[in-house]
Amino acid sequence: MDKRIQTKALKKLANLQFAIGLLFAIGLVIAVGTIIEQDKNVLFYKENYPEEAPIFGFLTWKIITFLNLNNLYSAWWFLFLLFLFGLSLLACTFTTQLPSLKTFKLWKFFKRLSQYKSLNANSTIQLSISNTFTYNCNSNKYHFFRQKNKGYAYSGLLGRVAPIVVHGSIIVLLIGSTIGSLGGYTAQELIPRGEIFHTQNMIKFGQLSNIPQDTSCRINDFWITYTNELKTDQFYSDLSLIDKNGTEVKRKTIFVNEPLEFNGLTFYQTDWDIVGLKLRFNKDNIFQIPVQKINQGGRKFWFGSLNLQKVTGQNLTVLITDLNKKVSFYDSAGVLTQELNLGDSFEIENGINLQFVDYLTSTGLQIKSDPGIFTIYLSFLLLMVSIYVSFFTYSQIWVVEIAKRVNLGGKSNRAVLFFQEELRKIVKRTKQKIA
């Protein structure tokens, strides 16, 4: 490709208006992603965005799925926007910022007194102490250069690197986000206590996701702690990770905000449920009954039915409100007949006993893999470094010797008053040498 065409293309990519337009488009897409629910199944969008009553008069589930608005952050066109934005930042860095950094290191000598009028600070000293002034500038961490009767000094060049580091951190962030979007996945599992499972219920995954099948997880135990007011305080899951040979490779009790991490996988505690009760009939036979969860008024209840028609000629309804080791039994008329704590039993009739043995619980886990997370952390580190470096003040001082007098002046890109005071002190310290 012709070098002129390459240069022209780079300038187009590095154009500030083009970069702002891309950034605006990316922000708009992200805003749409906060309005339209992401990573739901097709049935969800059919129910909430029906063709019969389109949102805003045009938005239906067909449009959402066709444009990948239900998977915005992994859609090819969104990744293409990020790619273009990254190219724009790279083009700006290599065509504008790096060349400008080189110019900051060049010697810029002033020849005329008129050039000093636009500077932040000006002063004059005797020619005989010009070398002392140079020495004092070096003592204040200025890099000083001389050329015959002219001089130039600069300090804080590192502060000019900050915009380049900012661009680099954003590019690294885009790379990490893309890697995570293409190679990461999120799964939700609701597993009964004591069971072993493989990750399979995927709710989000990238085109290049690799789901390991050589590691399974066992739910050793699950329990809930309560406050003094009998409100749920925290729920815990005791997990064991098992390799393909059945050997436990890691074990940890997790709870909310305390996940288990292993080989790039993170297991979060997200939910819990009661799936049944374990009862003992007449101190011999242990059996299980299923229960069903009902949400009402922001509270959870579990109901189950115990068929005793052949034994007592009646049915009992089981009610559970939480895992506080208490179960309520109601007769067919809805009258409370018994409340049992864990391990308690009661006589139904004629020596027939029923004992509450245990709950059958399940724990809700979210399994997440994000191969780009450490790249994203690196981008945040670079961004913090750039913020720190940006506080370095870039200052310049010019000197010219005319008619046995030394005219000097300088400017700074920030903290102008501080720079003026610094230059005044350097001049004062220089003049004190001949006092």
Protein backbone atom coordinates (compact mmCIF):
# COMPACT_ATOMS: atom_id res chain seq x y z
CA MET A 1 0.00 0.00 0.00
CA ASP A 2 1.19 3.50 -0.87
CA LYS A 3 2.81 5.23 2.11
CA ARG A 4 0.71 8.34 1.53
CA ILE A 5 -2.47 6.28 1.69
CA GLN A 6 -1.28 4.66 4.94
CA THR A 7 -0.50 8.06 6.44
CA LYS A 8 -3.88 9.41 5.39
CA ALA A 9 -5.69 6.39 6.85
CA LEU A 10 -3.79 6.73 10.12
CA LYS A 11 -4.70 10.40 10.36
CA LYS A 12 -8.35 9.56 9.77
CA LEU A 13 -8.22 6.95 12.53
CA ALA A 14 -6.39 9.34 14.86
CA ASN A 15 -8.93 12.13 14.26
CA LEU A 16 -10.34 13.36 17.57
CA GLN A 17 -13.89 13.76 16.23
CA PHE A 18 -13.81 10.19 14.91
CA ALA A 19 -12.65 8.84 18.29
CA ILE A 20 -15.33 10.84 20.13
CA GLY A 21 -17.97 9.51 17.73
CA LEU A 22 -16.86 5.93 18.39
CA LEU A 23 -16.85 6.54 22.13
CA PHE A 24 -20.35 8.02 21.92
CA ALA A 25 -21.56 4.99 19.93
CA ILE A 26 -20.03 2.56 22.45
CA GLY A 27 -21.64 4.47 25.32
CA LEU A 28 -25.01 4.41 23.54
CA VAL A 29 -24.77 0.64 23.02
CA ILE A 30 -23.88 0.12 26.68
CA ALA A 31 -26.89 2.26 27.67
CA VAL A 32 -29.14 0.07 25.49
CA GLY A 33 -27.64 -2.97 27.22
CA THR A 34 -28.77 -1.61 30.60
CA ILE A 35 -32.35 -1.24 29.32
CA ILE A 36 -32.75 -4.53 27.43
CA GLU A 37 -32.19 -7.55 29.65
CA GLN A 38 -29.09 -9.49 28.65
CA ASP A 39 -28.40 -13.21 28.29
CA LYS A 40 -31.98 -14.42 28.78
CA ASN A 41 -33.57 -17.29 26.88
CA VAL A 42 -35.70 -16.68 23.81
CA LEU A 43 -38.93 -17.42 25.70
CA PHE A 44 -38.21 -14.49 28.03
CA TYR A 45 -37.97 -12.05 25.12
CA LYS A 46 -41.08 -13.49 23.46
CA GLU A 47 -43.05 -12.86 26.65
CA ASN A 48 -41.67 -9.38 27.38
CA TYR A 49 -41.24 -8.06 23.81
CA PRO A 50 -44.20 -9.56 21.90
CA GLU A 51 -44.90 -8.79 18.27
CA GLU A 52 -48.50 -7.87 19.11
CA ALA A 53 -47.46 -4.93 21.31
CA PRO A 54 -43.93 -3.80 20.33
CA ILE A 55 -42.05 -1.52 22.72
CA PHE A 56 -41.70 2.03 21.34
CA GLY A 57 -43.79 0.84 18.43
CA PHE A 58 -41.05 -1.23 16.80
CA LEU A 59 -38.98 -3.19 19.34
CA THR A 60 -39.95 -6.87 19.31
CA TRP A 61 -38.20 -10.06 20.27
CA LYS A 62 -37.37 -10.79 16.62
CA ILE A 63 -35.49 -7.49 16.23
CA ILE A 64 -33.71 -8.04 19.56
CA THR A 65 -32.49 -11.52 18.64
CA PHE A 66 -31.68 -10.57 15.02
CA LEU A 67 -29.47 -7.63 16.08
CA ASN A 68 -28.03 -9.57 19.04
CA LEU A 69 -29.39 -6.95 21.43
CA ASN A 70 -29.90 -9.79 23.91
CA ASN A 71 -26.13 -10.51 23.84
CA LEU A 72 -24.83 -7.02 23.20
CA TYR A 73 -21.41 -7.28 24.75
CA SER A 74 -20.42 -10.31 22.71
CA ALA A 75 -22.10 -9.24 19.44
CA TRP A 76 -19.71 -9.10 16.50
CA TRP A 77 -20.64 -5.50 15.61
CA PHE A 78 -20.04 -4.31 19.20
CA LEU A 79 -16.64 -6.02 19.23
CA PHE A 80 -15.94 -4.33 15.89
CA LEU A 81 -16.73 -0.93 17.46
CA LEU A 82 -14.26 -1.72 20.27
CA PHE A 83 -11.69 -2.80 17.67
CA LEU A 84 -12.08 0.47 15.74
CA PHE A 85 -11.81 2.49 18.95
CA GLY A 86 -8.64 0.62 19.90
CA LEU A 87 -7.18 1.26 16.43
CA SER A 88 -8.03 4.95 16.79
CA LEU A 89 -6.19 5.13 20.12
CA LEU A 90 -3.18 3.30 18.66
CA ALA A 91 -3.11 5.60 15.64
CA CYS A 92 -3.28 8.68 17.87
CA THR A 93 -0.50 7.32 20.07
CA PHE A 94 1.91 6.58 17.21
CA THR A 95 1.10 9.56 14.96
CA THR A 96 0.66 12.29 17.55
CA GLN A 97 1.64 11.51 21.12
CA LEU A 98 4.94 9.65 20.65
CA PRO A 99 6.27 12.17 18.07
CA SER A 100 5.25 15.04 20.36
CA LEU A 101 7.08 13.38 23.25
CA LYS A 102 10.25 13.43 21.16
CA THR A 103 9.83 17.16 20.50
CA PHE A 104 9.60 17.83 24.23
CA LYS A 105 13.16 16.51 24.60
CA LEU A 106 14.53 18.74 21.83
CA TRP A 107 16.44 21.85 22.69
CA LYS A 108 14.27 24.92 22.06
CA PHE A 109 16.39 28.04 22.26
CA PHE A 110 14.89 31.54 22.18
CA LYS A 111 16.82 34.22 20.31
CA ARG A 112 14.63 37.31 20.65
CA LEU A 113 13.40 39.16 23.72
CA SER A 114 9.92 39.32 22.20
CA GLN A 115 9.59 35.57 22.70
CA TYR A 116 9.77 36.05 26.47
CA LYS A 117 6.64 38.22 26.62
CA SER A 118 4.22 35.27 26.45
CA LEU A 119 5.92 33.30 29.24
CA ASN A 120 4.49 32.80 32.73
CA ALA A 121 7.53 34.31 34.47
CA ASN A 122 10.39 36.66 33.51
CA SER A 123 13.50 38.02 35.19
CA THR A 124 17.05 39.25 34.55
CA ILE A 125 20.40 38.56 36.21
CA GLN A 126 23.97 39.70 35.68
CA LEU A 127 26.04 37.88 33.10
CA SER A 128 28.71 37.05 35.65
CA ILE A 129 26.38 34.72 37.59
CA SER A 130 24.80 32.91 34.67
CA ASN A 131 26.77 29.76 35.46
CA THR A 132 25.49 29.88 39.04
CA PHE A 133 21.94 30.11 37.69
CA THR A 134 22.59 27.02 35.55
CA TYR A 135 23.91 25.16 38.60
CA ASN A 136 20.84 26.11 40.66
CA CYS A 137 18.53 24.93 37.88
CA ASN A 138 20.29 21.57 37.88
CA SER A 139 19.89 21.43 41.66
CA ASN A 140 16.13 21.85 41.16
CA LYS A 141 16.06 18.79 38.83
CA TYR A 142 16.08 20.76 35.57
CA HIS A 143 17.91 19.41 32.53
CA PHE A 144 19.90 22.39 31.26
CA PHE A 145 21.38 22.85 27.78
CA ARG A 146 23.54 25.70 26.46
CA GLN A 147 24.36 26.91 22.97
CA LYS A 148 26.69 29.90 22.87
CA ASN A 149 24.72 32.73 24.51
CA LYS A 150 21.45 30.81 24.78
CA GLY A 151 20.18 28.27 27.27
CA TYR A 152 17.18 25.98 27.68
CA ALA A 153 16.03 23.77 30.60
CA TYR A 154 13.08 21.49 31.22
CA SER A 155 11.75 19.48 34.16
CA GLY A 156 8.93 16.96 34.66
CA LEU A 157 9.04 15.34 31.23
CA LEU A 158 7.44 12.25 32.81
CA GLY A 159 4.20 14.21 33.13
CA ARG A 160 3.95 14.33 29.34
CA VAL A 161 3.90 10.52 29.26
CA ALA A 162 0.58 10.34 31.16
CA PRO A 163 -1.70 10.67 28.07
CA ILE A 164 0.23 7.87 26.36
CA VAL A 165 -0.20 5.62 29.41
CA VAL A 166 -3.92 6.48 29.50
CA HIS A 167 -4.28 5.40 25.88
CA GLY A 168 -2.31 2.24 26.62
CA SER A 169 -4.49 1.39 29.63
CA ILE A 170 -7.69 1.80 27.59
CA ILE A 171 -6.30 -0.40 24.82
CA VAL A 172 -5.32 -3.08 27.36
CA LEU A 173 -8.81 -2.78 28.90
CA LEU A 174 -10.42 -3.31 25.49
CA ILE A 175 -8.21 -6.36 24.88
CA GLY A 176 -9.04 -7.85 28.28
CA SER A 177 -12.78 -7.22 27.84
CA THR A 178 -12.73 -8.83 24.40
CA ILE A 179 -10.85 -11.88 25.69
CA GLY A 180 -13.35 -12.22 28.54
CA SER A 181 -16.32 -11.80 26.21
CA LEU A 182 -15.12 -14.38 23.70
CA GLY A 183 -13.54 -16.91 26.06
CA GLY A 184 -15.50 -16.52 29.30
CA TYR A 185 -18.76 -18.03 30.47
CA THR A 186 -21.24 -17.93 33.36
CA ALA A 187 -23.30 -20.87 34.61
CA GLN A 188 -26.02 -21.15 37.25
CA GLU A 189 -26.54 -24.41 39.14
CA LEU A 190 -29.03 -25.41 41.85
CA ILE A 191 -27.60 -28.57 43.41
CA PRO A 192 -29.03 -30.71 46.27
CA ARG A 193 -26.82 -31.21 49.28
CA GLY A 194 -24.57 -34.26 48.94
CA GLU A 195 -24.71 -34.34 45.13
CA ILE A 196 -21.85 -34.13 42.62
CA PHE A 197 -22.29 -32.02 39.48
CA HIS A 198 -20.54 -30.83 36.33
CA THR A 199 -20.98 -27.31 34.97
CA GLN A 200 -23.71 -27.48 32.34
CA ASN A 201 -26.48 -24.92 32.90
CA MET A 202 -24.94 -22.09 30.88
CA ILE A 203 -26.56 -18.64 30.98
CA LYS A 204 -23.77 -16.81 29.15
CA PHE A 205 -20.83 -17.99 27.09
CA GLY A 206 -18.51 -16.69 24.39
CA GLN A 207 -17.79 -18.13 20.97
CA LEU A 208 -14.37 -19.37 22.14
CA SER A 209 -15.39 -20.59 25.60
CA ASN A 210 -13.78 -23.79 26.83
CA ILE A 211 -15.73 -25.51 29.61
CA PRO A 212 -13.47 -27.95 31.51
CA GLN A 213 -14.93 -31.45 31.94
CA ASP A 214 -12.14 -32.91 34.06
CA THR A 215 -13.28 -31.21 37.28
CA SER A 216 -16.54 -31.78 39.15
CA CYS A 217 -17.89 -30.31 42.37
CA ARG A 218 -19.49 -31.98 45.39
CA ILE A 219 -21.83 -30.20 47.79
CA ASN A 220 -20.69 -31.55 51.15
CA ASP A 221 -23.08 -29.49 53.21
CA PHE A 222 -25.29 -26.43 53.20
CA TRP A 223 -26.60 -24.38 56.12
CA ILE A 224 -27.99 -20.99 57.09
CA THR A 225 -27.29 -18.80 60.10
CA TYR A 226 -29.92 -16.48 61.58
CA THR A 227 -29.94 -13.25 63.54
CA ASN A 228 -31.48 -12.90 67.00
CA GLU A 229 -34.67 -11.76 65.26
CA LEU A 230 -34.69 -15.08 63.30
CA LYS A 231 -33.90 -13.31 60.02
CA THR A 232 -31.48 -14.87 57.54
CA ASP A 233 -27.97 -13.71 58.35
CA GLN A 234 -25.81 -15.73 55.94
CA PHE A 235 -25.93 -19.00 54.02
CA TYR A 236 -22.96 -21.28 53.49
CA SER A 237 -21.95 -24.09 51.14
CA ASP A 238 -19.17 -26.56 51.88
CA LEU A 239 -17.71 -27.42 48.45
CA SER A 240 -15.14 -29.96 47.28
CA LEU A 241 -13.58 -29.87 43.82
CA ILE A 242 -12.83 -33.33 42.46
CA ASP A 243 -10.59 -34.26 39.55
CA LYS A 244 -11.33 -36.93 36.94
CA ASN A 245 -9.80 -39.60 39.20
CA GLY A 246 -12.18 -38.77 42.05
CA THR A 247 -9.49 -37.09 44.16
CA GLU A 248 -10.39 -33.98 46.12
CA VAL A 249 -8.16 -31.15 44.89
CA LYS A 250 -9.63 -28.27 46.88
CA ARG A 251 -12.22 -27.75 49.60
CA LYS A 252 -13.69 -24.55 50.94
CA THR A 253 -16.79 -23.23 52.69
CA ILE A 254 -18.14 -20.37 50.63
CA PHE A 255 -20.72 -17.68 51.38
CA VAL A 256 -21.85 -14.44 49.81
CA ASN A 257 -18.80 -12.33 48.82
CA GLU A 258 -16.44 -15.21 49.71
CA PRO A 259 -16.15 -17.42 46.61
CA LEU A 260 -13.99 -20.44 45.84
CA GLU A 261 -11.35 -19.90 43.13
CA PHE A 262 -9.53 -22.64 41.25
CA ASN A 263 -7.75 -22.68 37.87
CA GLY A 264 -9.56 -19.63 36.52
CA LEU A 265 -12.97 -20.75 37.81
CA THR A 266 -14.86 -18.87 40.51
CA PHE A 267 -17.74 -20.43 42.46
CA TYR A 268 -20.10 -17.86 44.01
CA GLN A 269 -22.85 -18.48 46.56
CA THR A 270 -26.01 -16.96 45.07
CA ASP A 271 -29.16 -18.74 46.27
CA TRP A 272 -30.62 -21.66 48.16
CA ASP A 273 -33.77 -23.76 48.21
CA ILE A 274 -35.56 -26.52 50.10
CA VAL A 275 -36.51 -29.39 47.82
CA GLY A 276 -38.00 -31.80 50.36
CA LEU A 277 -38.17 -33.30 53.83
CA LYS A 278 -36.80 -36.52 55.22
CA LEU A 279 -39.24 -38.19 57.64
CA ARG A 280 -39.19 -41.43 59.65
CA PHE A 281 -42.37 -43.46 59.91
CA ASN A 282 -42.80 -45.60 63.05
CA LYS A 283 -39.08 -45.33 63.90
CA ASP A 284 -38.14 -47.68 61.07
CA ASN A 285 -38.89 -46.52 57.56
CA ILE A 286 -37.32 -43.29 56.33
CA PHE A 287 -38.95 -41.64 53.36
CA GLN A 288 -38.84 -38.32 51.58
CA ILE A 289 -41.56 -35.91 50.48
CA PRO A 290 -41.05 -33.09 47.96
CA VAL A 291 -41.96 -29.48 48.74
CA GLN A 292 -42.69 -26.54 46.47
CA LYS A 293 -41.52 -22.97 47.01
CA ILE A 294 -43.97 -20.06 46.91
CA ASN A 295 -42.95 -16.39 47.04
CA GLN A 296 -45.52 -14.11 48.63
CA GLY A 297 -45.11 -10.61 49.98
CA GLY A 298 -41.33 -10.81 49.72
CA ARG A 299 -41.23 -13.97 51.86
CA LYS A 300 -40.59 -17.61 50.93
CA PHE A 301 -42.77 -20.55 51.95
CA TRP A 302 -42.46 -24.23 51.16
CA PHE A 303 -45.51 -26.51 51.01
CA GLY A 304 -45.68 -30.26 50.80
CA SER A 305 -48.35 -32.94 51.11
CA LEU A 306 -48.13 -36.07 53.26
CA ASN A 307 -50.58 -38.75 52.15
CA LEU A 308 -51.65 -40.91 55.12
CA GLN A 309 -54.97 -42.10 53.70
CA LYS A 310 -54.06 -45.79 53.99
CA VAL A 311 -52.85 -45.41 57.57
CA THR A 312 -55.02 -42.77 59.24
CA GLY A 313 -57.52 -41.87 56.54
CA GLN A 314 -56.26 -38.27 56.28
CA ASN A 315 -53.69 -36.07 54.57
CA LEU A 316 -51.32 -33.65 56.25
CA THR A 317 -49.96 -30.44 54.76
CA VAL A 318 -46.39 -29.53 55.59
CA LEU A 319 -45.36 -25.86 55.91
CA ILE A 320 -41.76 -24.63 56.09
CA THR A 321 -40.83 -20.95 56.46
CA ASP A 322 -37.03 -21.24 56.68
CA LEU A 323 -34.21 -23.50 57.81
CA ASN A 324 -34.61 -22.70 61.50
CA LYS A 325 -35.15 -26.43 62.20
CA LYS A 326 -38.91 -26.21 62.59
CA VAL A 327 -41.71 -27.74 60.48
CA SER A 328 -45.46 -27.22 60.84
CA PHE A 329 -48.12 -29.86 60.04
CA TYR A 330 -51.75 -28.97 59.19
CA ASP A 331 -54.73 -31.29 58.78
CA SER A 332 -57.10 -31.29 55.82
CA ALA A 333 -59.18 -28.55 57.45
CA GLY A 334 -56.19 -26.24 57.68
CA VAL A 335 -55.83 -26.56 61.44
CA LEU A 336 -52.34 -26.66 62.91
CA THR A 337 -51.85 -30.09 64.43
CA GLN A 338 -48.15 -30.12 65.29
CA GLU A 339 -44.88 -28.14 65.12
CA LEU A 340 -41.71 -30.20 65.12
CA ASN A 341 -38.12 -29.24 65.65
CA LEU A 342 -35.38 -31.20 63.94
CA GLY A 343 -35.24 -34.69 65.48
CA ASP A 344 -38.64 -34.44 67.21
CA SER A 345 -41.51 -36.86 66.62
CA PHE A 346 -45.22 -36.96 67.38
CA GLU A 347 -47.89 -39.61 67.54
CA ILE A 348 -50.42 -39.38 64.74
CA GLU A 349 -52.80 -41.96 66.22
CA ASN A 350 -52.84 -45.43 67.74
CA GLY A 351 -49.08 -45.62 68.31
CA ILE A 352 -48.20 -44.45 64.82
CA ASN A 353 -45.26 -42.01 65.09
CA LEU A 354 -43.79 -39.54 62.63
CA GLN A 355 -40.32 -38.07 63.14
CA PHE A 356 -38.78 -35.03 61.43
CA VAL A 357 -35.31 -36.31 60.39
CA ASP A 358 -33.82 -33.63 58.15
CA TYR A 359 -34.30 -31.09 55.38
CA LEU A 360 -33.42 -31.84 51.77
CA THR A 361 -31.77 -28.63 50.66
CA SER A 362 -30.09 -27.37 47.51
CA THR A 363 -27.62 -24.56 47.09
CA GLY A 364 -27.53 -22.04 44.26
CA LEU A 365 -24.09 -21.52 42.76
CA GLN A 366 -22.81 -19.28 40.01
CA ILE A 367 -19.72 -20.57 38.21
CA LYS A 368 -17.82 -17.93 36.30
CA SER A 369 -14.76 -18.00 34.07
CA ASP A 370 -13.18 -14.79 32.76
CA PRO A 371 -9.81 -15.35 31.07
CA GLY A 372 -9.41 -11.62 30.49
CA ILE A 373 -9.75 -10.55 34.11
CA PHE A 374 -6.02 -10.19 34.83
CA THR A 375 -5.58 -8.15 31.64
CA ILE A 376 -8.36 -5.87 32.88
CA TYR A 377 -6.63 -5.58 36.28
CA LEU A 378 -3.43 -4.61 34.44
CA SER A 379 -5.32 -1.88 32.58
CA PHE A 380 -6.61 -0.47 35.88
CA LEU A 381 -3.06 -0.51 37.27
CA LEU A 382 -1.80 1.40 34.22
CA LEU A 383 -4.65 3.88 34.58
CA MET A 384 -3.77 4.51 38.24
CA VAL A 385 -0.12 4.98 37.27
CA SER A 386 -1.13 7.46 34.56
CA ILE A 387 -3.21 9.43 37.07
CA TYR A 388 -0.22 9.62 39.41
CA VAL A 389 2.18 10.57 36.60
CA SER A 390 -0.19 13.25 35.30
CA PHE A 391 0.46 15.27 38.48
CA PHE A 392 4.07 15.78 37.40
CA THR A 393 4.40 19.38 36.22
CA TYR A 394 6.21 19.98 32.93
CA SER A 395 8.18 23.25 33.22
CA GLN A 396 10.53 25.01 30.79
CA ILE A 397 13.09 27.80 31.27
CA TRP A 398 14.81 29.87 28.56
CA VAL A 399 17.94 31.99 28.87
CA VAL A 400 19.54 34.47 26.47
CA GLU A 401 22.56 36.72 27.08
CA ILE A 402 22.22 40.24 25.63
CA ALA A 403 24.43 43.25 26.47
CA LYS A 404 26.03 41.78 29.59
CA ARG A 405 22.64 40.90 30.99
CA VAL A 406 20.98 37.50 31.15
CA ASN A 407 17.26 37.53 30.30
CA LEU A 408 15.40 34.50 31.52
CA GLY A 409 11.82 33.31 31.59
CA GLY A 410 9.78 30.18 31.76
CA LYS A 411 6.37 28.55 31.63
CA SER A 412 4.60 25.50 33.04
CA ASN A 413 1.66 23.40 31.87
CA ARG A 414 0.06 23.43 35.34
CA ALA A 415 0.62 24.89 38.82
CA VAL A 416 1.73 28.20 37.28
CA LEU A 417 1.90 30.03 40.60
CA PHE A 418 4.09 27.29 42.06
CA PHE A 419 6.40 27.51 39.03
CA GLN A 420 6.65 31.31 39.33
CA GLU A 421 7.59 30.98 42.98
CA GLU A 422 10.13 28.25 42.16
CA LEU A 423 11.80 30.39 39.48
CA ARG A 424 11.83 33.40 41.80
CA LYS A 425 13.61 31.36 44.47
CA ILE A 426 16.20 30.09 41.97
CA VAL A 427 16.92 33.67 40.86
CA LYS A 428 17.07 34.89 44.47
CA ARG A 429 19.46 32.09 45.46
CA THR A 430 21.62 32.91 42.43
CA LYS A 431 21.84 36.61 43.30
CA GLN A 432 22.75 35.83 46.91
CA LYS A 433 26.05 34.37 45.66
CA ILE A 434 27.33 37.85 44.83
CA ALA A 435 25.72 39.67 47.75
